[in-house]
C-alpha atoms as a PDB file:
ATOM      1  CA  MET A   1     -12.748 -65.843  -6.674  1.00  0.00           C
ATOM      2  CA  ALA A   2     -10.289 -68.108  -4.880  1.00  0.00           C
ATOM      3  CA  GLU A   3      -9.739 -67.776  -1.187  1.00  0.00           C
ATOM      4  CA  ALA A   4      -6.232 -66.961   0.174  1.00  0.00           C
ATOM      5  CA  HIS A   5      -4.688 -69.872   2.037  1.00  0.00           C
ATOM      6  CA  CYS A   6      -2.957 -68.948   5.300  1.00  0.00           C
ATOM      7  CA  PRO A   7      -0.824 -71.550   7.047  1.00  0.00           C
ATOM      8  CA  ASN A   8      -2.122 -72.766  10.447  1.00  0.00           C
ATOM      9  CA  GLY A   9      -5.330 -70.825   9.999  1.00  0.00           C
ATOM     10  CA  GLU A  10      -3.619 -67.474  10.752  1.00  0.00           C
ATOM     11  CA  ALA A  11      -6.433 -65.469   9.211  1.00  0.00           C
ATOM     12  CA  GLU A  12      -9.082 -67.413  11.205  1.00  0.00           C
ATOM     13  CA  GLN A  13      -7.118 -66.855  14.404  1.00  0.00           C
ATOM     14  CA  ASP A  14      -6.832 -63.077  13.667  1.00  0.00           C
ATOM     15  CA  ALA A  15     -10.640 -62.929  13.039  1.00  0.00           C
ATOM     16  CA  SER A  16     -11.301 -64.749  16.269  1.00  0.00           C
ATOM     17  CA  ARG A  17      -9.294 -62.499  18.248  1.00  0.00           C
ATOM     18  CA  LEU A  18     -11.000 -59.484  16.632  1.00  0.00           C
ATOM     19  CA  ASN A  19     -14.294 -61.000  17.587  1.00  0.00           C
ATOM     20  CA  TRP A  20     -13.259 -61.582  21.136  1.00  0.00           C
ATOM     21  CA  ALA A  21     -11.819 -58.135  21.361  1.00  0.00           C
ATOM     22  CA  SER A  22     -15.100 -56.497  20.255  1.00  0.00           C
ATOM     23  CA  LEU A  23     -17.058 -58.737  22.599  1.00  0.00           C
ATOM     24  CA  THR A  24     -14.935 -58.177  25.651  1.00  0.00           C
ATOM     25  CA  MET A  25     -14.812 -54.347  25.147  1.00  0.00           C
ATOM     26  CA  GLU A  26     -18.633 -54.129  24.858  1.00  0.00           C
ATOM     27  CA  ALA A  27     -19.099 -56.444  27.860  1.00  0.00           C
ATOM     28  CA  ARG A  28     -16.220 -54.848  29.790  1.00  0.00           C
ATOM     29  CA  LEU A  29     -14.708 -58.296  30.403  1.00  0.00           C
ATOM     30  CA  ARG A  30     -10.912 -58.554  30.712  1.00  0.00           C
ATOM     31  CA  PHE A  31     -10.836 -61.874  32.515  1.00  0.00           C
ATOM     32  CA  ILE A  32     -12.442 -65.311  31.596  1.00  0.00           C
ATOM     33  CA  ALA A  33     -12.419 -68.658  33.240  1.00  0.00           C
ATOM     34  CA  LEU A  34     -10.646 -70.920  30.828  1.00  0.00           C
ATOM     35  CA  GLN A  35      -9.961 -74.701  30.796  1.00  0.00           C
ATOM     36  CA  ASP A  36      -6.792 -75.837  29.045  1.00  0.00           C
ATOM     37  CA  PRO A  37      -6.504 -79.257  27.151  1.00  0.00           C
ATOM     38  CA  ALA A  38      -5.119 -80.910  30.214  1.00  0.00           C
ATOM     39  CA  ASP A  39      -8.393 -80.043  32.155  1.00  0.00           C
ATOM     40  CA  ASN A  40      -6.657 -77.372  34.317  1.00  0.00           C
ATOM     41  CA  TRP A  41      -8.788 -74.264  34.905  1.00  0.00           C
ATOM     42  CA  MET A  42      -7.425 -70.723  35.146  1.00  0.00           C
ATOM     43  CA  VAL A  43      -8.399 -67.049  35.194  1.00  0.00           C
ATOM     44  CA  TYR A  44      -7.225 -65.757  31.730  1.00  0.00           C
ATOM     45  CA  ASP A  45      -6.396 -62.050  31.155  1.00  0.00           C
ATOM     46  CA  LEU A  46      -7.611 -61.192  27.698  1.00  0.00           C
ATOM     47  CA  HIS A  47      -5.656 -57.986  27.743  1.00  0.00           C
ATOM     48  CA  SER A  48      -2.176 -59.465  28.359  1.00  0.00           C
ATOM     49  CA  GLU A  49      -3.044 -62.851  26.857  1.00  0.00           C
ATOM     50  CA  VAL A  50      -1.541 -64.770  29.930  1.00  0.00           C
ATOM     51  CA  PRO A  51      -3.086 -66.329  32.923  1.00  0.00           C
ATOM     52  CA  ALA A  52      -3.947 -63.786  35.601  1.00  0.00           C
ATOM     53  CA  GLU A  53      -2.053 -63.149  38.765  1.00  0.00           C
ATOM     54  CA  PHE A  54      -3.319 -62.091  42.167  1.00  0.00           C
ATOM     55  CA  THR A  55      -0.892 -61.375  45.034  1.00  0.00           C
ATOM     56  CA  CYS A  56       1.949 -62.872  43.096  1.00  0.00           C
ATOM     57  CA  LYS A  57       0.093 -66.084  42.489  1.00  0.00           C
ATOM     58  CA  VAL A  58      -0.757 -67.256  39.041  1.00  0.00           C
ATOM     59  CA  LEU A  59      -4.455 -68.139  38.881  1.00  0.00           C
ATOM     60  CA  TYR A  60      -3.875 -71.512  37.281  1.00  0.00           C
ATOM     61  CA  GLY A  61      -4.655 -75.128  38.441  1.00  0.00           C
ATOM     62  CA  LEU A  62      -7.942 -74.170  39.917  1.00  0.00           C
ATOM     63  CA  SER A  63     -11.212 -75.932  40.153  1.00  0.00           C
ATOM     64  CA  ARG A  64     -13.949 -74.708  37.781  1.00  0.00           C
ATOM     65  CA  GLU A  65     -15.818 -73.079  40.544  1.00  0.00           C
ATOM     66  CA  GLU A  66     -12.741 -71.310  41.901  1.00  0.00           C
ATOM     67  CA  ALA A  67     -11.895 -70.026  38.292  1.00  0.00           C
ATOM     68  CA  GLU A  68     -15.378 -68.820  37.717  1.00  0.00           C
ATOM     69  CA  HIS A  69     -15.696 -67.118  41.117  1.00  0.00           C
ATOM     70  CA  LEU A  70     -12.362 -65.353  40.771  1.00  0.00           C
ATOM     71  CA  THR A  71     -13.217 -64.295  37.184  1.00  0.00           C
ATOM     72  CA  VAL A  72     -16.328 -62.681  38.382  1.00  0.00           C
ATOM     73  CA  LEU A  73     -14.413 -60.830  41.091  1.00  0.00           C
ATOM     74  CA  ALA A  74     -11.574 -59.693  38.748  1.00  0.00           C
ATOM     75  CA  ASN A  75     -14.125 -58.368  36.172  1.00  0.00           C
ATOM     76  CA  ALA A  76     -15.953 -56.534  38.768  1.00  0.00           C
ATOM     77  CA  LYS A  77     -12.749 -54.863  40.045  1.00  0.00           C
ATOM     78  CA  PHE A  78     -11.764 -54.056  36.393  1.00  0.00           C
ATOM     79  CA  ARG A  79     -15.222 -52.488  35.527  1.00  0.00           C
ATOM     80  CA  SER A  80     -15.011 -50.400  38.644  1.00  0.00           C
ATOM     81  CA  ARG A  81     -11.685 -49.078  37.675  1.00  0.00           C
ATOM     82  CA  THR A  82     -12.739 -48.445  34.171  1.00  0.00           C
ATOM     83  CA  ALA A  83     -15.955 -46.663  35.274  1.00  0.00           C
ATOM     84  CA  ILE A  84     -13.845 -44.238  37.323  1.00  0.00           C
ATOM     85  CA  ALA A  85     -11.397 -43.564  34.592  1.00  0.00           C
ATOM     86  CA  GLU A  86     -13.959 -43.152  31.725  1.00  0.00           C
ATOM     87  CA  PRO A  87     -15.346 -39.727  32.755  1.00  0.00           C
ATOM     88  CA  MET A  88     -11.709 -38.474  32.469  1.00  0.00           C
ATOM     89  CA  LEU A  89     -11.202 -39.678  28.974  1.00  0.00           C
ATOM     90  CA  GLY A  90     -10.872 -36.832  26.495  1.00  0.00           C
ATOM     91  CA  ARG A  91     -10.473 -34.204  29.153  1.00  0.00           C
ATOM     92  CA  PRO A  92      -7.208 -32.269  29.493  1.00  0.00           C
ATOM     93  CA  ALA A  93      -4.989 -33.140  32.270  1.00  0.00           C
ATOM     94  CA  LEU A  94      -5.288 -31.183  35.483  1.00  0.00           C
ATOM     95  CA  GLY A  95      -2.346 -29.095  36.645  1.00  0.00           C
END
């Protein structure tokens, strides 16, 4: 059976996104420390697919240590918000 050819590896990119999505949902990760091709580090928001922002500052151009530290803090905040919201899922709205 012949494989379908997709320009620019679109099928592989879609599969990669699906794998990242399932991994991040299981691990409750929304943010990752990411290095771009120019060796700049950032905190990347997997949900919105852009560099994260904090107090109106884009978290880009960081050292690796800064990016990793801020990623841990951002994910902890995200997990705490998710943990609070989860018990309410599937329940009727109050009021």
